[in-house]
Amino acid sequence: MDELPETEWIAACAHGLQRHWRTVDPVELEAVAAELSHDPRLRAMRPVEAAIEWLKPVACGDVQSVRQPGRI
């Protein structure tokens, strides 16, 4: 696959993120995508695939409980 220029990769990744987070400001999603573009593992993927990969913990509900001992 030919490597996309960084600006195009970021725009496409932000679009992929927006599919999941429709209410988040697109400018914020572009900032997240720009950060993701600096991760060599994610940058080697197609932009939408990178967004999906990065979102996996959120999409799978893999969130740790912050319950304190002795409290319900």
PDB file of N, CA and C in Angstrom:
ATOM      1  N   MET A   1       0.844  -1.186   0.000  1.00  0.00           N
ATOM      2  CA  MET A   1       0.000   0.000   0.000  1.00  0.00           C
ATOM      3  C   MET A   1       0.884   1.241   0.000  1.00  0.00           C
ATOM      4  N   ASP A   2       0.573   2.200  -0.855  1.00  0.00           N
ATOM      5  CA  ASP A   2       1.301   3.454  -0.862  1.00  0.00           C
ATOM      6  C   ASP A   2       0.973   4.217   0.407  1.00  0.00           C
ATOM      7  N   GLU A   3       2.004   4.805   1.001  1.00  0.00           N
ATOM      8  CA  GLU A   3       1.800   5.549   2.235  1.00  0.00           C
ATOM      9  C   GLU A   3       1.108   6.887   1.935  1.00  0.00           C
ATOM     10  N   LEU A   4       0.070   7.162   2.694  1.00  0.00           N
ATOM     11  CA  LEU A   4      -0.640   8.433   2.541  1.00  0.00           C
ATOM     12  C   LEU A   4       0.186   9.552   3.157  1.00  0.00           C
ATOM     13  N   PRO A   5       0.108  10.740   2.592  1.00  0.00           N
ATOM     14  CA  PRO A   5       0.723  11.888   3.263  1.00  0.00           C
ATOM     15  C   PRO A   5       0.107  12.048   4.657  1.00  0.00           C
ATOM     16  N   GLU A   6       0.876  12.545   5.583  1.00  0.00           N
ATOM     17  CA  GLU A   6       0.428  12.629   6.969  1.00  0.00           C
ATOM     18  C   GLU A   6      -0.901  13.380   7.126  1.00  0.00           C
ATOM     19  N   THR A   7      -1.057  14.489   6.422  1.00  0.00           N
ATOM     20  CA  THR A   7      -2.296  15.261   6.580  1.00  0.00           C
ATOM     21  C   THR A   7      -3.518  14.471   6.124  1.00  0.00           C
ATOM     22  N   GLU A   8      -3.366  13.696   5.049  1.00  0.00           N
ATOM     23  CA  GLU A   8      -4.486  12.878   4.574  1.00  0.00           C
ATOM     24  C   GLU A   8      -4.767  11.728   5.537  1.00  0.00           C
ATOM     25  N   TRP A   9      -3.703  11.130   6.084  1.00  0.00           N
ATOM     26  CA  TRP A   9      -3.865  10.037   7.042  1.00  0.00           C
ATOM     27  C   TRP A   9      -4.619  10.539   8.275  1.00  0.00           C
ATOM     28  N   ILE A  10      -4.223  11.700   8.773  1.00  0.00           N
ATOM     29  CA  ILE A  10      -4.866  12.276   9.955  1.00  0.00           C
ATOM     30  C   ILE A  10      -6.340  12.560   9.677  1.00  0.00           C
ATOM     31  N   ALA A  11      -6.648  13.149   8.531  1.00  0.00           N
ATOM     32  CA  ALA A  11      -8.038  13.454   8.192  1.00  0.00           C
ATOM     33  C   ALA A  11      -8.885  12.184   8.110  1.00  0.00           C
ATOM     34  N   ALA A  12      -8.341  11.152   7.481  1.00  0.00           N
ATOM     35  CA  ALA A  12      -9.084   9.896   7.345  1.00  0.00           C
ATOM     36  C   ALA A  12      -9.248   9.200   8.696  1.00  0.00           C
ATOM     37  N   CYS A  13      -8.223   9.255   9.523  1.00  0.00           N
ATOM     38  CA  CYS A  13      -8.307   8.663  10.859  1.00  0.00           C
ATOM     39  C   CYS A  13      -9.342   9.411  11.704  1.00  0.00           C
ATOM     40  N   ALA A  14      -9.330  10.735  11.634  1.00  0.00           N
ATOM     41  CA  ALA A  14     -10.310  11.535  12.376  1.00  0.00           C
ATOM     42  C   ALA A  14     -11.732  11.176  11.946  1.00  0.00           C
ATOM     43  N   HIS A  15     -11.914  10.938  10.665  1.00  0.00           N
ATOM     44  CA  HIS A  15     -13.225  10.528  10.163  1.00  0.00           C
ATOM     45  C   HIS A  15     -13.612   9.176  10.764  1.00  0.00           C
ATOM     46  N   GLY A  16     -12.661   8.258  10.843  1.00  0.00           N
ATOM     47  CA  GLY A  16     -12.925   6.962  11.466  1.00  0.00           C
ATOM     48  C   GLY A  16     -13.287   7.102  12.939  1.00  0.00           C
ATOM     49  N   LEU A  17     -12.612   8.002  13.635  1.00  0.00           N
ATOM     50  CA  LEU A  17     -12.940   8.246  15.042  1.00  0.00           C
ATOM     51  C   LEU A  17     -14.331   8.854  15.177  1.00  0.00           C
ATOM     52  N   GLN A  18     -14.692   9.708  14.235  1.00  0.00           N
ATOM     53  CA  GLN A  18     -15.995  10.362  14.291  1.00  0.00           C
ATOM     54  C   GLN A  18     -17.139   9.369  14.117  1.00  0.00           C
ATOM     55  N   ARG A  19     -16.898   8.268  13.444  1.00  0.00           N
ATOM     56  CA  ARG A  19     -17.928   7.231  13.314  1.00  0.00           C
ATOM     57  C   ARG A  19     -18.330   6.693  14.687  1.00  0.00           C
ATOM     58  N   HIS A  20     -17.368   6.673  15.613  1.00  0.00           N
ATOM     59  CA  HIS A  20     -17.644   6.180  16.968  1.00  0.00           C
ATOM     60  C   HIS A  20     -18.093   7.312  17.892  1.00  0.00           C
ATOM     61  N   TRP A  21     -17.453   8.457  17.785  1.00  0.00           N
ATOM     62  CA  TRP A  21     -17.725   9.602  18.654  1.00  0.00           C
ATOM     63  C   TRP A  21     -18.355  10.729  17.843  1.00  0.00           C
ATOM     64  N   ARG A  22     -19.615  10.598  17.554  1.00  0.00           N
ATOM     65  CA  ARG A  22     -20.309  11.579  16.713  1.00  0.00           C
ATOM     66  C   ARG A  22     -20.502  12.944  17.375  1.00  0.00           C
ATOM     67  N   THR A  23     -20.495  12.983  18.693  1.00  0.00           N
ATOM     68  CA  THR A  23     -20.753  14.253  19.380  1.00  0.00           C
ATOM     69  C   THR A  23     -19.479  15.017  19.729  1.00  0.00           C
ATOM     70  N   VAL A  24     -18.320  14.437  19.466  1.00  0.00           N
ATOM     71  CA  VAL A  24     -17.056  15.104  19.779  1.00  0.00           C
ATOM     72  C   VAL A  24     -16.705  16.071  18.656  1.00  0.00           C
ATOM     73  N   ASP A  25     -16.213  17.225  19.046  1.00  0.00           N
ATOM     74  CA  ASP A  25     -15.810  18.265  18.097  1.00  0.00           C
ATOM     75  C   ASP A  25     -14.783  17.692  17.102  1.00  0.00           C
ATOM     76  N   PRO A  26     -15.017  17.850  15.807  1.00  0.00           N
ATOM     77  CA  PRO A  26     -14.081  17.333  14.802  1.00  0.00           C
ATOM     78  C   PRO A  26     -12.647  17.840  14.977  1.00  0.00           C
ATOM     79  N   VAL A  27     -12.490  19.043  15.498  1.00  0.00           N
ATOM     80  CA  VAL A  27     -11.142  19.576  15.742  1.00  0.00           C
ATOM     81  C   VAL A  27     -10.428  18.724  16.794  1.00  0.00           C
ATOM     82  N   GLU A  28     -11.161  18.300  17.820  1.00  0.00           N
ATOM     83  CA  GLU A  28     -10.593  17.428  18.849  1.00  0.00           C
ATOM     84  C   GLU A  28     -10.226  16.072  18.265  1.00  0.00           C
ATOM     85  N   LEU A  29     -11.084  15.557  17.394  1.00  0.00           N
ATOM     86  CA  LEU A  29     -10.793  14.264  16.779  1.00  0.00           C
ATOM     87  C   LEU A  29      -9.562  14.342  15.884  1.00  0.00           C
ATOM     88  N   GLU A  30      -9.386  15.457  15.202  1.00  0.00           N
ATOM     89  CA  GLU A  30      -8.173  15.645  14.394  1.00  0.00           C
ATOM     90  C   GLU A  30      -6.943  15.693  15.282  1.00  0.00           C
ATOM     91  N   ALA A  31      -7.064  16.310  16.461  1.00  0.00           N
ATOM     92  CA  ALA A  31      -5.932  16.356  17.391  1.00  0.00           C
ATOM     93  C   ALA A  31      -5.573  14.945  17.869  1.00  0.00           C
ATOM     94  N   VAL A  32      -6.589  14.136  18.154  1.00  0.00           N
ATOM     95  CA  VAL A  32      -6.344  12.747  18.559  1.00  0.00           C
ATOM     96  C   VAL A  32      -5.692  11.990  17.407  1.00  0.00           C
ATOM     97  N   ALA A  33      -6.220  12.149  16.214  1.00  0.00           N
ATOM     98  CA  ALA A  33      -5.665  11.466  15.047  1.00  0.00           C
ATOM     99  C   ALA A  33      -4.217  11.888  14.801  1.00  0.00           C
ATOM    100  N   ALA A  34      -3.910  13.148  15.029  1.00  0.00           N
ATOM    101  CA  ALA A  34      -2.531  13.620  14.867  1.00  0.00           C
ATOM    102  C   ALA A  34      -1.615  12.920  15.861  1.00  0.00           C
ATOM    103  N   GLU A  35      -2.086  12.748  17.094  1.00  0.00           N
ATOM    104  CA  GLU A  35      -1.302  12.017  18.087  1.00  0.00           C
ATOM    105  C   GLU A  35      -1.113  10.563  17.662  1.00  0.00           C
ATOM    106  N   LEU A  36      -2.176   9.951  17.153  1.00  0.00           N
ATOM    107  CA  LEU A  36      -2.092   8.560  16.716  1.00  0.00           C
ATOM    108  C   LEU A  36      -1.102   8.406  15.561  1.00  0.00           C
ATOM    109  N   SER A  37      -0.974   9.419  14.744  1.00  0.00           N
ATOM    110  CA  SER A  37      -0.073   9.336  13.590  1.00  0.00           C
ATOM    111  C   SER A  37       1.384   9.214  14.003  1.00  0.00           C
ATOM    112  N   HIS A  38       1.693   9.523  15.255  1.00  0.00           N
ATOM    113  CA  HIS A  38       3.072   9.422  15.747  1.00  0.00           C
ATOM    114  C   HIS A  38       3.390   8.033  16.291  1.00  0.00           C
ATOM    115  N   ASP A  39       2.389   7.168  16.350  1.00  0.00           N
ATOM    116  CA  ASP A  39       2.597   5.789  16.799  1.00  0.00           C
ATOM    117  C   ASP A  39       2.932   4.954  15.561  1.00  0.00           C
ATOM    118  N   PRO A  40       4.164   4.455  15.451  1.00  0.00           N
ATOM    119  CA  PRO A  40       4.564   3.727  14.237  1.00  0.00           C
ATOM    120  C   PRO A  40       3.672   2.525  13.923  1.00  0.00           C
ATOM    121  N   ARG A  41       3.203   1.827  14.954  1.00  0.00           N
ATOM    122  CA  ARG A  41       2.350   0.658  14.733  1.00  0.00           C
ATOM    123  C   ARG A  41       1.036   1.078  14.090  1.00  0.00           C
ATOM    124  N   LEU A  42       0.416   2.140  14.612  1.00  0.00           N
ATOM    125  CA  LEU A  42      -0.853   2.619  14.062  1.00  0.00           C
ATOM    126  C   LEU A  42      -0.640   3.288  12.706  1.00  0.00           C
ATOM    127  N   ARG A  43       0.444   4.013  12.551  1.00  0.00           N
ATOM    128  CA  ARG A  43       0.702   4.735  11.294  1.00  0.00           C
ATOM    129  C   ARG A  43       0.913   3.769  10.133  1.00  0.00           C
ATOM    130  N   ALA A  44       1.357   2.550  10.442  1.00  0.00           N
ATOM    131  CA  ALA A  44       1.562   1.550   9.392  1.00  0.00           C
ATOM    132  C   ALA A  44       0.240   0.980   8.885  1.00  0.00           C
ATOM    133  N   MET A  45      -0.843   1.207   9.630  1.00  0.00           N
ATOM    134  CA  MET A  45      -2.164   0.706   9.241  1.00  0.00           C
ATOM    135  C   MET A  45      -2.875   1.732   8.363  1.00  0.00           C
ATOM    136  N   ARG A  46      -3.952   1.278   7.732  1.00  0.00           N
ATOM    137  CA  ARG A  46      -4.841   2.225   7.073  1.00  0.00           C
ATOM    138  C   ARG A  46      -5.466   3.089   8.164  1.00  0.00           C
ATOM    139  N   PRO A  47      -5.774   4.354   7.866  1.00  0.00           N
ATOM    140  CA  PRO A  47      -6.269   5.267   8.897  1.00  0.00           C
ATOM    141  C   PRO A  47      -7.508   4.774   9.658  1.00  0.00           C
ATOM    142  N   VAL A  48      -8.492   4.256   8.936  1.00  0.00           N
ATOM    143  CA  VAL A  48      -9.715   3.799   9.610  1.00  0.00           C
ATOM    144  C   VAL A  48      -9.418   2.568  10.459  1.00  0.00           C
ATOM    145  N   GLU A  49      -8.537   1.693   9.978  1.00  0.00           N
ATOM    146  CA  GLU A  49      -8.154   0.525  10.768  1.00  0.00           C
ATOM    147  C   GLU A  49      -7.420   0.948  12.040  1.00  0.00           C
ATOM    148  N   ALA A  50      -6.582   1.973  11.937  1.00  0.00           N
ATOM    149  CA  ALA A  50      -5.873   2.490  13.115  1.00  0.00           C
ATOM    150  C   ALA A  50      -6.865   3.045  14.134  1.00  0.00           C
ATOM    151  N   ALA A  51      -7.872   3.764  13.659  1.00  0.00           N
ATOM    152  CA  ALA A  51      -8.894   4.304  14.558  1.00  0.00           C
ATOM    153  C   ALA A  51      -9.625   3.168  15.272  1.00  0.00           C
ATOM    154  N   ILE A  52      -9.993   2.136  14.528  1.00  0.00           N
ATOM    155  CA  ILE A  52     -10.694   0.989  15.115  1.00  0.00           C
ATOM    156  C   ILE A  52      -9.803   0.300  16.146  1.00  0.00           C
ATOM    157  N   GLU A  53      -8.544   0.115  15.807  1.00  0.00           N
ATOM    158  CA  GLU A  53      -7.603  -0.536  16.729  1.00  0.00           C
ATOM    159  C   GLU A  53      -7.465   0.275  18.013  1.00  0.00           C
ATOM    160  N   TRP A  54      -7.324   1.587  17.884  1.00  0.00           N
ATOM    161  CA  TRP A  54      -7.158   2.452  19.045  1.00  0.00           C
ATOM    162  C   TRP A  54      -8.427   2.483  19.905  1.00  0.00           C
ATOM    163  N   LEU A  55      -9.572   2.343  19.268  1.00  0.00           N
ATOM    164  CA  LEU A  55     -10.845   2.377  19.984  1.00  0.00           C
ATOM    165  C   LEU A  55     -11.228   1.037  20.622  1.00  0.00           C
ATOM    166  N   LYS A  56     -10.505  -0.034  20.339  1.00  0.00           N
ATOM    167  CA  LYS A  56     -10.884  -1.354  20.844  1.00  0.00           C
ATOM    168  C   LYS A  56     -11.146  -1.393  22.347  1.00  0.00           C
ATOM    169  N   PRO A  57     -10.308  -0.814  23.200  1.00  0.00           N
ATOM    170  CA  PRO A  57     -10.609  -0.867  24.639  1.00  0.00           C
ATOM    171  C   PRO A  57     -11.942  -0.199  24.995  1.00  0.00           C
ATOM    172  N   VAL A  58     -12.286   0.854  24.294  1.00  0.00           N
ATOM    173  CA  VAL A  58     -13.552   1.552  24.544  1.00  0.00           C
ATOM    174  C   VAL A  58     -14.718   0.740  23.989  1.00  0.00           C
ATOM    175  N   ALA A  59     -14.552   0.225  22.777  1.00  0.00           N
ATOM    176  CA  ALA A  59     -15.612  -0.523  22.109  1.00  0.00           C
ATOM    177  C   ALA A  59     -15.928  -1.823  22.837  1.00  0.00           C
ATOM    178  N   CYS A  60     -14.922  -2.403  23.484  1.00  0.00           N
ATOM    179  CA  CYS A  60     -15.115  -3.679  24.183  1.00  0.00           C
ATOM    180  C   CYS A  60     -15.550  -3.477  25.625  1.00  0.00           C
ATOM    181  N   GLY A  61     -15.650  -2.241  26.062  1.00  0.00           N
ATOM    182  CA  GLY A  61     -16.036  -1.975  27.438  1.00  0.00           C
ATOM    183  C   GLY A  61     -14.959  -2.384  28.429  1.00  0.00           C
ATOM    184  N   ASP A  62     -13.696  -2.357  28.009  1.00  0.00           N
ATOM    185  CA  ASP A  62     -12.587  -2.769  28.849  1.00  0.00           C
ATOM    186  C   ASP A  62     -12.168  -1.613  29.747  1.00  0.00           C
ATOM    187  N   VAL A  63     -13.017  -1.300  30.717  1.00  0.00           N
ATOM    188  CA  VAL A  63     -12.772  -0.184  31.620  1.00  0.00           C
ATOM    189  C   VAL A  63     -12.623  -0.739  33.029  1.00  0.00           C
ATOM    190  N   GLN A  64     -11.563  -0.317  33.704  1.00  0.00           N
ATOM    191  CA  GLN A  64     -11.322  -0.764  35.072  1.00  0.00           C
ATOM    192  C   GLN A  64     -12.252  -0.025  36.033  1.00  0.00           C
ATOM    193  N   SER A  65     -12.731  -0.728  37.017  1.00  0.00           N
ATOM    194  CA  SER A  65     -13.559  -0.118  38.043  1.00  0.00           C
ATOM    195  C   SER A  65     -12.678   0.734  38.951  1.00  0.00           C
ATOM    196  N   VAL A  66     -13.199   1.878  39.364  1.00  0.00           N
ATOM    197  CA  VAL A  66     -12.452   2.758  40.265  1.00  0.00           C
ATOM    198  C   VAL A  66     -13.041   2.711  41.668  1.00  0.00           C
ATOM    199  N   ARG A  67     -13.723   1.626  41.982  1.00  0.00           N
ATOM    200  CA  ARG A  67     -14.354   1.453  43.284  1.00  0.00           C
ATOM    201  C   ARG A  67     -13.276   1.438  44.367  1.00  0.00           C
ATOM    202  N   GLN A  68     -13.493   2.168  45.449  1.00  0.00           N
ATOM    203  CA  GLN A  68     -12.560   2.204  46.556  1.00  0.00           C
ATOM    204  C   GLN A  68     -12.922   1.102  47.557  1.00  0.00           C
ATOM    205  N   PRO A  69     -11.927   0.519  48.213  1.00  0.00           N
ATOM    206  CA  PRO A  69     -12.214  -0.524  49.196  1.00  0.00           C
ATOM    207  C   PRO A  69     -13.150  -0.013  50.289  1.00  0.00           C
ATOM    208  N   GLY A  70     -14.109  -0.815  50.651  1.00  0.00           N
ATOM    209  CA  GLY A  70     -15.050  -0.447  51.713  1.00  0.00           C
ATOM    210  C   GLY A  70     -16.215   0.401  51.247  1.00  0.00           C
ATOM    211  N   ARG A  71     -16.249   0.774  49.978  1.00  0.00           N
ATOM    212  CA  ARG A  71     -17.350   1.585  49.443  1.00  0.00           C
ATOM    213  C   ARG A  71     -18.064   0.807  48.368  1.00  0.00           C
ATOM    214  N   ILE A  72     -19.339   1.055  48.256  1.00  0.00           N
ATOM    215  CA  ILE A  72     -20.134   0.382  47.228  1.00  0.00           C
ATOM    216  C   ILE A  72     -20.461   1.340  46.124  1.00  0.00           C
TER     217      ILE A  72
END
